[in-house]
C-alpha atoms as a PDB file:
ATOM      1  CA  UNK A   1       0.962 -30.857  -5.599  1.00  0.00           C
ATOM      2  CA  UNK A   2      -0.113 -30.324  -1.846  1.00  0.00           C
ATOM      3  CA  UNK A   3      -3.535 -29.248  -1.528  1.00  0.00           C
ATOM      4  CA  UNK A   4      -2.298 -26.805   1.422  1.00  0.00           C
ATOM      5  CA  UNK A   5       0.553 -25.248  -1.377  1.00  0.00           C
ATOM      6  CA  UNK A   6      -1.997 -24.967  -4.024  1.00  0.00           C
ATOM      7  CA  UNK A   7      -4.490 -23.293  -1.542  1.00  0.00           C
ATOM      8  CA  UNK A   8      -1.972 -20.721  -0.231  1.00  0.00           C
ATOM      9  CA  UNK A   9      -0.446 -19.655  -4.068  1.00  0.00           C
ATOM     10  CA  UNK A  10      -4.336 -19.253  -5.079  1.00  0.00           C
ATOM     11  CA  UNK A  11      -4.702 -17.264  -1.586  1.00  0.00           C
ATOM     12  CA  UNK A  12      -1.435 -15.452  -2.033  1.00  0.00           C
ATOM     13  CA  UNK A  13      -2.785 -14.040  -5.268  1.00  0.00           C
ATOM     14  CA  UNK A  14      -5.856 -13.010  -4.520  1.00  0.00           C
ATOM     15  CA  UNK A  15      -4.190 -11.049  -2.119  1.00  0.00           C
ATOM     16  CA  UNK A  16      -2.844  -8.561  -5.067  1.00  0.00           C
ATOM     17  CA  UNK A  17      -6.361  -8.058  -6.234  1.00  0.00           C
ATOM     18  CA  UNK A  18      -7.449  -4.946  -3.773  1.00  0.00           C
ATOM     19  CA  UNK A  19      -6.637  -3.019  -1.361  1.00  0.00           C
ATOM     20  CA  UNK A  20      -2.749  -2.581  -0.186  1.00  0.00           C
ATOM     21  CA  UNK A  21      -0.804  -5.021   2.371  1.00  0.00           C
ATOM     22  CA  UNK A  22       2.665  -5.390   3.983  1.00  0.00           C
ATOM     23  CA  UNK A  23       4.596  -8.315   3.280  1.00  0.00           C
ATOM     24  CA  UNK A  24       7.374  -8.271   5.892  1.00  0.00           C
ATOM     25  CA  UNK A  25      10.801 -10.133   6.080  1.00  0.00           C
ATOM     26  CA  UNK A  26      11.610 -12.512   8.120  1.00  0.00           C
ATOM     27  CA  UNK A  27      14.994 -13.820   7.957  1.00  0.00           C
ATOM     28  CA  UNK A  28      14.506 -16.994  10.450  1.00  0.00           C
ATOM     29  CA  UNK A  29      12.118 -19.381  11.400  1.00  0.00           C
ATOM     30  CA  UNK A  30      11.835 -17.301  15.160  1.00  0.00           C
ATOM     31  CA  UNK A  31      11.670 -14.003  12.763  1.00  0.00           C
ATOM     32  CA  UNK A  32       8.549 -15.498  10.491  1.00  0.00           C
ATOM     33  CA  UNK A  33       7.007 -17.106  13.783  1.00  0.00           C
ATOM     34  CA  UNK A  34       6.581 -13.687  15.480  1.00  0.00           C
ATOM     35  CA  UNK A  35       5.499 -11.510  11.967  1.00  0.00           C
ATOM     36  CA  UNK A  36       2.942 -14.851  11.919  1.00  0.00           C
ATOM     37  CA  UNK A  37       1.579 -13.502  15.239  1.00  0.00           C
ATOM     38  CA  UNK A  38       1.116  -9.995  14.650  1.00  0.00           C
ATOM     39  CA  UNK A  39      -1.771 -10.382  12.240  1.00  0.00           C
ATOM     40  CA  UNK A  40       0.520 -10.329   8.798  1.00  0.00           C
ATOM     41  CA  UNK A  41      -1.358 -11.775   5.805  1.00  0.00           C
ATOM     42  CA  UNK A  42       1.936 -13.067   4.347  1.00  0.00           C
ATOM     43  CA  UNK A  43       5.442 -13.039   4.744  1.00  0.00           C
ATOM     44  CA  UNK A  44       8.639 -12.651   2.427  1.00  0.00           C
ATOM     45  CA  UNK A  45      12.016 -13.363   2.444  1.00  0.00           C
ATOM     46  CA  UNK A  46      15.234 -11.543   2.757  1.00  0.00           C
ATOM     47  CA  UNK A  47      18.457 -12.552   0.556  1.00  0.00           C
ATOM     48  CA  UNK A  48      20.172 -10.043   2.502  1.00  0.00           C
ATOM     49  CA  UNK A  49      18.662 -10.664   6.142  1.00  0.00           C
ATOM     50  CA  UNK A  50      19.409 -14.577   5.702  1.00  0.00           C
ATOM     51  CA  UNK A  51      22.569 -14.119   4.089  1.00  0.00           C
ATOM     52  CA  UNK A  52      23.642 -11.990   7.122  1.00  0.00           C
ATOM     53  CA  UNK A  53      22.795 -14.234   9.408  1.00  0.00           C
ATOM     54  CA  UNK A  54      25.256 -17.216   7.783  1.00  0.00           C
ATOM     55  CA  UNK A  55      27.686 -14.862   7.976  1.00  0.00           C
ATOM     56  CA  UNK A  56      27.703 -13.392   4.444  1.00  0.00           C
ATOM     57  CA  UNK A  57      27.338 -10.861   2.352  1.00  0.00           C
ATOM     58  CA  UNK A  58      24.084  -9.915   0.482  1.00  0.00           C
ATOM     59  CA  UNK A  59      23.911 -10.511  -3.670  1.00  0.00           C
ATOM     60  CA  UNK A  60      24.457 -14.567  -4.329  1.00  0.00           C
ATOM     61  CA  UNK A  61      26.882 -16.072  -1.763  1.00  0.00           C
ATOM     62  CA  UNK A  62      25.115 -18.242  -0.227  1.00  0.00           C
ATOM     63  CA  UNK A  63      24.580 -21.347  -1.961  1.00  0.00           C
ATOM     64  CA  UNK A  64      21.537 -22.342  -3.168  1.00  0.00           C
ATOM     65  CA  UNK A  65      21.207 -25.273  -1.588  1.00  0.00           C
ATOM     66  CA  UNK A  66      21.454 -23.414   1.700  1.00  0.00           C
ATOM     67  CA  UNK A  67      18.647 -20.698   0.169  1.00  0.00           C
ATOM     68  CA  UNK A  68      16.291 -23.369  -0.856  1.00  0.00           C
ATOM     69  CA  UNK A  69      16.871 -24.915   3.060  1.00  0.00           C
ATOM     70  CA  UNK A  70      16.034 -21.019   4.090  1.00  0.00           C
ATOM     71  CA  UNK A  71      12.729 -20.890   2.144  1.00  0.00           C
ATOM     72  CA  UNK A  72      12.306 -24.045   3.416  1.00  0.00           C
ATOM     73  CA  UNK A  73      11.762 -23.216   6.839  1.00  0.00           C
ATOM     74  CA  UNK A  74      10.156 -19.909   6.889  1.00  0.00           C
ATOM     75  CA  UNK A  75       7.163 -21.793   4.803  1.00  0.00           C
ATOM     76  CA  UNK A  76       7.342 -24.808   7.392  1.00  0.00           C
ATOM     77  CA  UNK A  77       7.337 -22.363  10.369  1.00  0.00           C
ATOM     78  CA  UNK A  78       4.174 -20.688   9.468  1.00  0.00           C
ATOM     79  CA  UNK A  79       0.972 -21.138   7.726  1.00  0.00           C
ATOM     80  CA  UNK A  80       1.142 -18.011   5.986  1.00  0.00           C
ATOM     81  CA  UNK A  81       2.060 -17.759   2.330  1.00  0.00           C
ATOM     82  CA  UNK A  82       5.498 -17.406   1.858  1.00  0.00           C
ATOM     83  CA  UNK A  83       7.272 -15.527  -1.671  1.00  0.00           C
ATOM     84  CA  UNK A  84      10.786 -16.000  -1.786  1.00  0.00           C
ATOM     85  CA  UNK A  85      13.454 -13.020  -2.623  1.00  0.00           C
ATOM     86  CA  UNK A  86      15.106 -15.603  -5.338  1.00  0.00           C
ATOM     87  CA  UNK A  87      17.901 -12.585  -6.451  1.00  0.00           C
ATOM     88  CA  UNK A  88      18.507 -13.542 -10.280  1.00  0.00           C
ATOM     89  CA  UNK A  89      17.653 -17.133  -9.867  1.00  0.00           C
ATOM     90  CA  UNK A  90      21.081 -18.484  -8.527  1.00  0.00           C
ATOM     91  CA  UNK A  91      22.069 -19.008 -12.671  1.00  0.00           C
ATOM     92  CA  UNK A  92      23.888 -17.407 -15.224  1.00  0.00           C
ATOM     93  CA  UNK A  93      21.493 -18.551 -17.635  1.00  0.00           C
ATOM     94  CA  UNK A  94      17.978 -18.609 -18.234  1.00  0.00           C
ATOM     95  CA  UNK A  95      18.081 -22.384 -18.422  1.00  0.00           C
ATOM     96  CA  UNK A  96      19.306 -22.353 -14.844  1.00  0.00           C
ATOM     97  CA  UNK A  97      17.027 -20.006 -14.032  1.00  0.00           C
ATOM     98  CA  UNK A  98      13.898 -21.911 -14.917  1.00  0.00           C
ATOM     99  CA  UNK A  99      15.365 -25.259 -13.197  1.00  0.00           C
ATOM    100  CA  UNK A 100      16.241 -22.898 -10.532  1.00  0.00           C
ATOM    101  CA  UNK A 101      12.550 -21.898 -10.008  1.00  0.00           C
ATOM    102  CA  UNK A 102      11.386 -25.262 -10.266  1.00  0.00           C
ATOM    103  CA  UNK A 103      13.301 -25.980  -7.100  1.00  0.00           C
ATOM    104  CA  UNK A 104      12.183 -23.124  -4.939  1.00  0.00           C
ATOM    105  CA  UNK A 105       8.657 -23.966  -6.139  1.00  0.00           C
ATOM    106  CA  UNK A 106       9.260 -27.730  -4.234  1.00  0.00           C
ATOM    107  CA  UNK A 107       9.791 -25.915  -1.270  1.00  0.00           C
ATOM    108  CA  UNK A 108       6.042 -24.294  -0.868  1.00  0.00           C
ATOM    109  CA  UNK A 109       6.433 -20.851  -1.488  1.00  0.00           C
ATOM    110  CA  UNK A 110       3.598 -19.372  -3.192  1.00  0.00           C
ATOM    111  CA  UNK A 111       5.840 -16.792  -5.224  1.00  0.00           C
ATOM    112  CA  UNK A 112       9.018 -15.523  -5.774  1.00  0.00           C
ATOM    113  CA  UNK A 113      10.597 -12.530  -7.425  1.00  0.00           C
ATOM    114  CA  UNK A 114      13.511 -12.497 -10.546  1.00  0.00           C
ATOM    115  CA  UNK A 115      15.737  -9.317 -10.445  1.00  0.00           C
ATOM    116  CA  UNK A 116      17.613  -7.894 -13.394  1.00  0.00           C
ATOM    117  CA  UNK A 117      20.916  -7.237 -11.608  1.00  0.00           C
ATOM    118  CA  UNK A 118      23.982  -8.685 -12.827  1.00  0.00           C
ATOM    119  CA  UNK A 119      26.441  -8.711 -10.495  1.00  0.00           C
ATOM    120  CA  UNK A 120      29.175  -6.646 -12.774  1.00  0.00           C
ATOM    121  CA  UNK A 121      29.792  -3.658 -10.871  1.00  0.00           C
ATOM    122  CA  UNK A 122      31.077  -2.192 -14.629  1.00  0.00           C
ATOM    123  CA  UNK A 123      27.375  -2.699 -15.990  1.00  0.00           C
ATOM    124  CA  UNK A 124      25.196  -3.598 -12.921  1.00  0.00           C
ATOM    125  CA  UNK A 125      22.118  -4.192 -15.218  1.00  0.00           C
ATOM    126  CA  UNK A 126      21.461  -7.314 -17.684  1.00  0.00           C
ATOM    127  CA  UNK A 127      20.212  -5.960 -20.966  1.00  0.00           C
ATOM    128  CA  UNK A 128      16.520  -5.891 -21.605  1.00  0.00           C
ATOM    129  CA  UNK A 129      16.121  -8.485 -23.612  1.00  0.00           C
ATOM    130  CA  UNK A 130      18.204 -10.912 -21.242  1.00  0.00           C
ATOM    131  CA  UNK A 131      16.601  -9.676 -18.360  1.00  0.00           C
ATOM    132  CA  UNK A 132      13.249 -10.554 -20.103  1.00  0.00           C
ATOM    133  CA  UNK A 133      14.479 -13.848 -21.080  1.00  0.00           C
ATOM    134  CA  UNK A 134      14.447 -14.495 -17.924  1.00  0.00           C
ATOM    135  CA  UNK A 135      11.316 -13.756 -16.556  1.00  0.00           C
ATOM    136  CA  UNK A 136      10.172 -16.071 -19.611  1.00  0.00           C
ATOM    137  CA  UNK A 137      12.068 -18.594 -18.141  1.00  0.00           C
ATOM    138  CA  UNK A 138      10.865 -18.032 -14.520  1.00  0.00           C
ATOM    139  CA  UNK A 139       7.152 -17.872 -15.795  1.00  0.00           C
ATOM    140  CA  UNK A 140       7.659 -21.520 -17.789  1.00  0.00           C
ATOM    141  CA  UNK A 141       8.995 -23.091 -14.795  1.00  0.00           C
ATOM    142  CA  UNK A 142       5.953 -21.847 -12.474  1.00  0.00           C
ATOM    143  CA  UNK A 143       3.498 -22.625 -15.442  1.00  0.00           C
ATOM    144  CA  UNK A 144       4.770 -26.208 -15.139  1.00  0.00           C
ATOM    145  CA  UNK A 145       3.864 -26.647 -11.816  1.00  0.00           C
ATOM    146  CA  UNK A 146       0.123 -25.418 -12.289  1.00  0.00           C
ATOM    147  CA  UNK A 147       1.007 -21.554 -12.540  1.00  0.00           C
ATOM    148  CA  UNK A 148      -0.806 -20.662  -9.215  1.00  0.00           C
ATOM    149  CA  UNK A 149       2.658 -19.332  -7.757  1.00  0.00           C
ATOM    150  CA  UNK A 150       3.079 -15.405  -8.225  1.00  0.00           C
ATOM    151  CA  UNK A 151       6.317 -14.633 -10.162  1.00  0.00           C
ATOM    152  CA  UNK A 152       7.296 -10.816  -9.010  1.00  0.00           C
ATOM    153  CA  UNK A 153       9.577  -9.306 -11.929  1.00  0.00           C
ATOM    154  CA  UNK A 154      12.299  -6.570 -10.400  1.00  0.00           C
ATOM    155  CA  UNK A 155      14.002  -3.537 -12.120  1.00  0.00           C
ATOM    156  CA  UNK A 156      17.179  -2.760  -9.922  1.00  0.00           C
ATOM    157  CA  UNK A 157      17.876   0.843 -11.675  1.00  0.00           C
ATOM    158  CA  UNK A 158      17.802   2.688  -8.012  1.00  0.00           C
ATOM    159  CA  UNK A 159      19.685  -0.328  -6.224  1.00  0.00           C
ATOM    160  CA  UNK A 160      22.776  -0.710  -8.311  1.00  0.00           C
ATOM    161  CA  UNK A 161      23.057   3.084  -9.177  1.00  0.00           C
ATOM    162  CA  UNK A 162      21.218   3.900 -12.337  1.00  0.00           C
ATOM    163  CA  UNK A 163      18.352   5.720 -10.682  1.00  0.00           C
ATOM    164  CA  UNK A 164      16.788   6.316 -14.315  1.00  0.00           C
ATOM    165  CA  UNK A 165      12.983   5.736 -13.957  1.00  0.00           C
ATOM    166  CA  UNK A 166      12.072   5.809 -18.166  1.00  0.00           C
ATOM    167  CA  UNK A 167      14.722   2.606 -18.255  1.00  0.00           C
ATOM    168  CA  UNK A 168      12.624   1.358 -14.853  1.00  0.00           C
ATOM    169  CA  UNK A 169       9.418   1.883 -16.659  1.00  0.00           C
ATOM    170  CA  UNK A 170      10.567   0.253 -19.674  1.00  0.00           C
ATOM    171  CA  UNK A 171      11.898  -2.915 -17.684  1.00  0.00           C
ATOM    172  CA  UNK A 172       8.689  -3.404 -15.653  1.00  0.00           C
ATOM    173  CA  UNK A 173       6.669  -3.387 -18.505  1.00  0.00           C
ATOM    174  CA  UNK A 174       8.806  -5.643 -20.470  1.00  0.00           C
ATOM    175  CA  UNK A 175       8.454  -8.113 -17.341  1.00  0.00           C
ATOM    176  CA  UNK A 176       4.469  -7.989 -17.321  1.00  0.00           C
ATOM    177  CA  UNK A 177       4.960  -8.619 -21.199  1.00  0.00           C
ATOM    178  CA  UNK A 178       6.912 -11.556 -20.657  1.00  0.00           C
ATOM    179  CA  UNK A 179       4.646 -13.009 -17.614  1.00  0.00           C
ATOM    180  CA  UNK A 180       5.580 -11.532 -14.103  1.00  0.00           C
ATOM    181  CA  UNK A 181       2.306 -10.769 -12.222  1.00  0.00           C
ATOM    182  CA  UNK A 182       3.497  -8.410  -9.917  1.00  0.00           C
ATOM    183  CA  UNK A 183       6.185  -5.498 -10.560  1.00  0.00           C
ATOM    184  CA  UNK A 184       8.956  -4.137  -8.275  1.00  0.00           C
ATOM    185  CA  UNK A 185      11.228  -1.274  -8.857  1.00  0.00           C
ATOM    186  CA  UNK A 186      13.307  -1.327  -5.240  1.00  0.00           C
ATOM    187  CA  UNK A 187      14.893   1.998  -3.985  1.00  0.00           C
ATOM    188  CA  UNK A 188      11.949   4.577  -6.020  1.00  0.00           C
ATOM    189  CA  UNK A 189      11.216   7.060  -3.565  1.00  0.00           C
ATOM    190  CA  UNK A 190       9.054  10.022  -4.545  1.00  0.00           C
ATOM    191  CA  UNK A 191       5.516  10.281  -5.211  1.00  0.00           C
ATOM    192  CA  UNK A 192       6.119  10.720  -8.759  1.00  0.00           C
ATOM    193  CA  UNK A 193       8.075   7.972  -9.647  1.00  0.00           C
ATOM    194  CA  UNK A 194       5.897   5.478  -7.628  1.00  0.00           C
ATOM    195  CA  UNK A 195       2.580   7.316  -9.576  1.00  0.00           C
ATOM    196  CA  UNK A 196       4.799   6.816 -12.748  1.00  0.00           C
ATOM    197  CA  UNK A 197       5.113   3.092 -11.957  1.00  0.00           C
ATOM    198  CA  UNK A 198       1.672   2.709 -11.046  1.00  0.00           C
ATOM    199  CA  UNK A 199       0.862   3.927 -14.033  1.00  0.00           C
ATOM    200  CA  UNK A 200       2.745   2.394 -16.576  1.00  0.00           C
ATOM    201  CA  UNK A 201       1.929  -1.430 -15.468  1.00  0.00           C
ATOM    202  CA  UNK A 202      -1.546  -0.649 -14.232  1.00  0.00           C
ATOM    203  CA  UNK A 203      -3.723  -3.534 -13.820  1.00  0.00           C
ATOM    204  CA  UNK A 204      -0.739  -5.660 -12.408  1.00  0.00           C
ATOM    205  CA  UNK A 205       0.131  -4.890  -8.908  1.00  0.00           C
ATOM    206  CA  UNK A 206       3.246  -3.595  -7.821  1.00  0.00           C
ATOM    207  CA  UNK A 207       5.135  -3.809  -4.866  1.00  0.00           C
ATOM    208  CA  UNK A 208       6.594  -1.084  -2.724  1.00  0.00           C
ATOM    209  CA  UNK A 209       9.900  -1.539  -0.954  1.00  0.00           C
ATOM    210  CA  UNK A 210      10.478   0.757   2.435  1.00  0.00           C
ATOM    211  CA  UNK A 211      13.888   0.604   3.729  1.00  0.00           C
ATOM    212  CA  UNK A 212      14.468   2.871   6.034  1.00  0.00           C
ATOM    213  CA  UNK A 213      12.041   5.541   8.338  1.00  0.00           C
ATOM    214  CA  UNK A 214       9.747   6.958   5.810  1.00  0.00           C
ATOM    215  CA  UNK A 215       6.867   9.274   5.738  1.00  0.00           C
ATOM    216  CA  UNK A 216       4.903   6.821   4.146  1.00  0.00           C
ATOM    217  CA  UNK A 217       2.399   4.840   5.289  1.00  0.00           C
ATOM    218  CA  UNK A 218       0.362   1.819   4.308  1.00  0.00           C
ATOM    219  CA  UNK A 219      -3.071   4.563   3.333  1.00  0.00           C
ATOM    220  CA  UNK A 220      -0.761   6.547   1.270  1.00  0.00           C
ATOM    221  CA  UNK A 221       0.631   4.484  -0.572  1.00  0.00           C
ATOM    222  CA  UNK A 222      -2.421   2.750  -1.105  1.00  0.00           C
ATOM    223  CA  UNK A 223      -4.056   5.551  -2.234  1.00  0.00           C
ATOM    224  CA  UNK A 224      -1.332   5.540  -5.042  1.00  0.00           C
ATOM    225  CA  UNK A 225      -2.329   2.375  -6.117  1.00  0.00           C
ATOM    226  CA  UNK A 226       0.107   0.852  -4.778  1.00  0.00           C
ATOM    227  CA  UNK A 227      -0.920  -3.279  -4.141  1.00  0.00           C
ATOM    228  CA  UNK A 228       1.791  -4.724  -1.271  1.00  0.00           C
ATOM    229  CA  UNK A 229       4.885  -3.287   0.787  1.00  0.00           C
ATOM    230  CA  UNK A 230       8.076  -4.911   1.875  1.00  0.00           C
ATOM    231  CA  UNK A 231      10.354  -3.870   3.972  1.00  0.00           C
ATOM    232  CA  UNK A 232      13.760  -6.317   2.680  1.00  0.00           C
ATOM    233  CA  UNK A 233      16.343  -6.550   4.436  1.00  0.00           C
ATOM    234  CA  UNK A 234      15.238  -3.544   7.453  1.00  0.00           C
ATOM    235  CA  UNK A 235      13.784  -5.944  10.042  1.00  0.00           C
ATOM    236  CA  UNK A 236      17.221  -7.792  10.350  1.00  0.00           C
ATOM    237  CA  UNK A 237      18.737  -4.786  10.234  1.00  0.00           C
ATOM    238  CA  UNK A 238      16.961  -3.286  13.015  1.00  0.00           C
ATOM    239  CA  UNK A 239      17.703  -6.458  14.792  1.00  0.00           C
ATOM    240  CA  UNK A 240      21.448  -6.062  14.075  1.00  0.00           C
ATOM    241  CA  UNK A 241      21.702  -2.557  15.171  1.00  0.00           C
ATOM    242  CA  UNK A 242      20.114  -3.395  18.590  1.00  0.00           C
ATOM    243  CA  UNK A 243      22.515  -6.676  19.016  1.00  0.00           C
ATOM    244  CA  UNK A 244      25.712  -4.191  17.924  1.00  0.00           C
ATOM    245  CA  UNK A 245      24.366  -1.298  20.121  1.00  0.00           C
ATOM    246  CA  UNK A 246      24.354  -3.516  23.482  1.00  0.00           C
ATOM    247  CA  UNK A 247      27.315  -6.006  22.131  1.00  0.00           C
ATOM    248  CA  UNK A 248      29.793  -2.646  21.475  1.00  0.00           C
ATOM    249  CA  UNK A 249      28.684  -1.270  25.102  1.00  0.00           C
ATOM    250  CA  UNK A 250      29.303  -4.295  26.904  1.00  0.00           C
ATOM    251  CA  UNK A 251      32.838  -4.402  24.540  1.00  0.00           C
ATOM    252  CA  UNK A 252      34.107  -0.900  24.559  1.00  0.00           C
ATOM    253  CA  UNK A 253      33.271   0.420  27.946  1.00  0.00           C
ATOM    254  CA  UNK A 254      32.088  -2.456  29.888  1.00  0.00           C
ATOM    255  CA  UNK A 255      28.780  -1.961  30.565  1.00  0.00           C
ATOM    256  CA  UNK A 256      25.746  -3.393  30.325  1.00  0.00           C
ATOM    257  CA  UNK A 257      23.228  -1.035  30.787  1.00  0.00           C
ATOM    258  CA  UNK A 258      22.000  -1.621  26.994  1.00  0.00           C
ATOM    259  CA  UNK A 259      20.343  -5.149  27.626  1.00  0.00           C
ATOM    260  CA  UNK A 260      17.610  -3.238  29.350  1.00  0.00           C
ATOM    261  CA  UNK A 261      15.988  -3.080  25.794  1.00  0.00           C
ATOM    262  CA  UNK A 262      16.380  -6.881  25.589  1.00  0.00           C
ATOM    263  CA  UNK A 263      12.967  -9.139  25.705  1.00  0.00           C
ATOM    264  CA  UNK A 264      12.425 -11.355  28.449  1.00  0.00           C
ATOM    265  CA  UNK A 265      13.861 -14.814  28.438  1.00  0.00           C
ATOM    266  CA  UNK A 266      10.301 -16.065  29.679  1.00  0.00           C
ATOM    267  CA  UNK A 267       8.045 -13.945  27.014  1.00  0.00           C
ATOM    268  CA  UNK A 268      10.501 -15.444  24.250  1.00  0.00           C
ATOM    269  CA  UNK A 269      10.112 -18.866  26.013  1.00  0.00           C
ATOM    270  CA  UNK A 270       6.312 -18.458  26.380  1.00  0.00           C
ATOM    271  CA  UNK A 271       5.418 -17.739  22.902  1.00  0.00           C
ATOM    272  CA  UNK A 272       7.693 -20.537  21.272  1.00  0.00           C
ATOM    273  CA  UNK A 273       6.484 -23.298  22.963  1.00  0.00           C
ATOM    274  CA  UNK A 274       2.650 -22.221  22.459  1.00  0.00           C
ATOM    275  CA  UNK A 275       1.867 -20.545  26.301  1.00  0.00           C
ATOM    276  CA  UNK A 276       1.319 -17.421  24.795  1.00  0.00           C
ATOM    277  CA  UNK A 277      -0.121 -16.459  21.481  1.00  0.00           C
ATOM    278  CA  UNK A 278       1.955 -13.675  20.314  1.00  0.00           C
ATOM    279  CA  UNK A 279       5.436 -11.603  21.557  1.00  0.00           C
ATOM    280  CA  UNK A 280       3.501  -8.347  21.440  1.00  0.00           C
END
């Protein structure tokens, strides 16, 4: 294993031991470089943000080889540790999850998440034993490559329309026992639910998703014991929001006033050429 990759994985795991940090989600190399310049400690990929940039819907519609290329591009864009949103492992069974996690680790990522969504609208969550088997497979693949990479176990209840906090907690506890280093229940929002998840899997760290405007802050979530905060596809959606507003104004009204909000080309060129250190 490359010593630089190993060091980043060890450093990334150490970030989860105390305090609370924000891990934003770039959708391409440019956004990764911009976020790295802002002082963030680590980055995480976004399956939705990347899928939209490829003209695809989120949810496993992008081929695995393209996903791996995306992971590699983010890793190569900065010196920060990168955690991968690896959806359900892009595999129908645990053996496939293990094989694909091994391929993902070869891109140099510092960690990855495996979710329990099934993709079946009638039964959107995998049964807990099946989901646990897939987490164990991911754990074994990580251990086979040194064990330093961080494994995140995700319970998708609140994302797929099954907002049952008791089942969410059972799932996260099972994933923790199966070898997940960090636990994640995207979609939970209330103080009670956040506190319940943190307590249920302690002392293992918890990731919190903030995907929309929220009264939560880094400080308030840290006080509840959350260790890290991600934004998923929210930054990509913010970029799409600016694009759609400006392009829509041009297409519908023949007006160009929305372009006043565009970043100056000189600023972008200066940053990406290395003449300036940051964009903001």
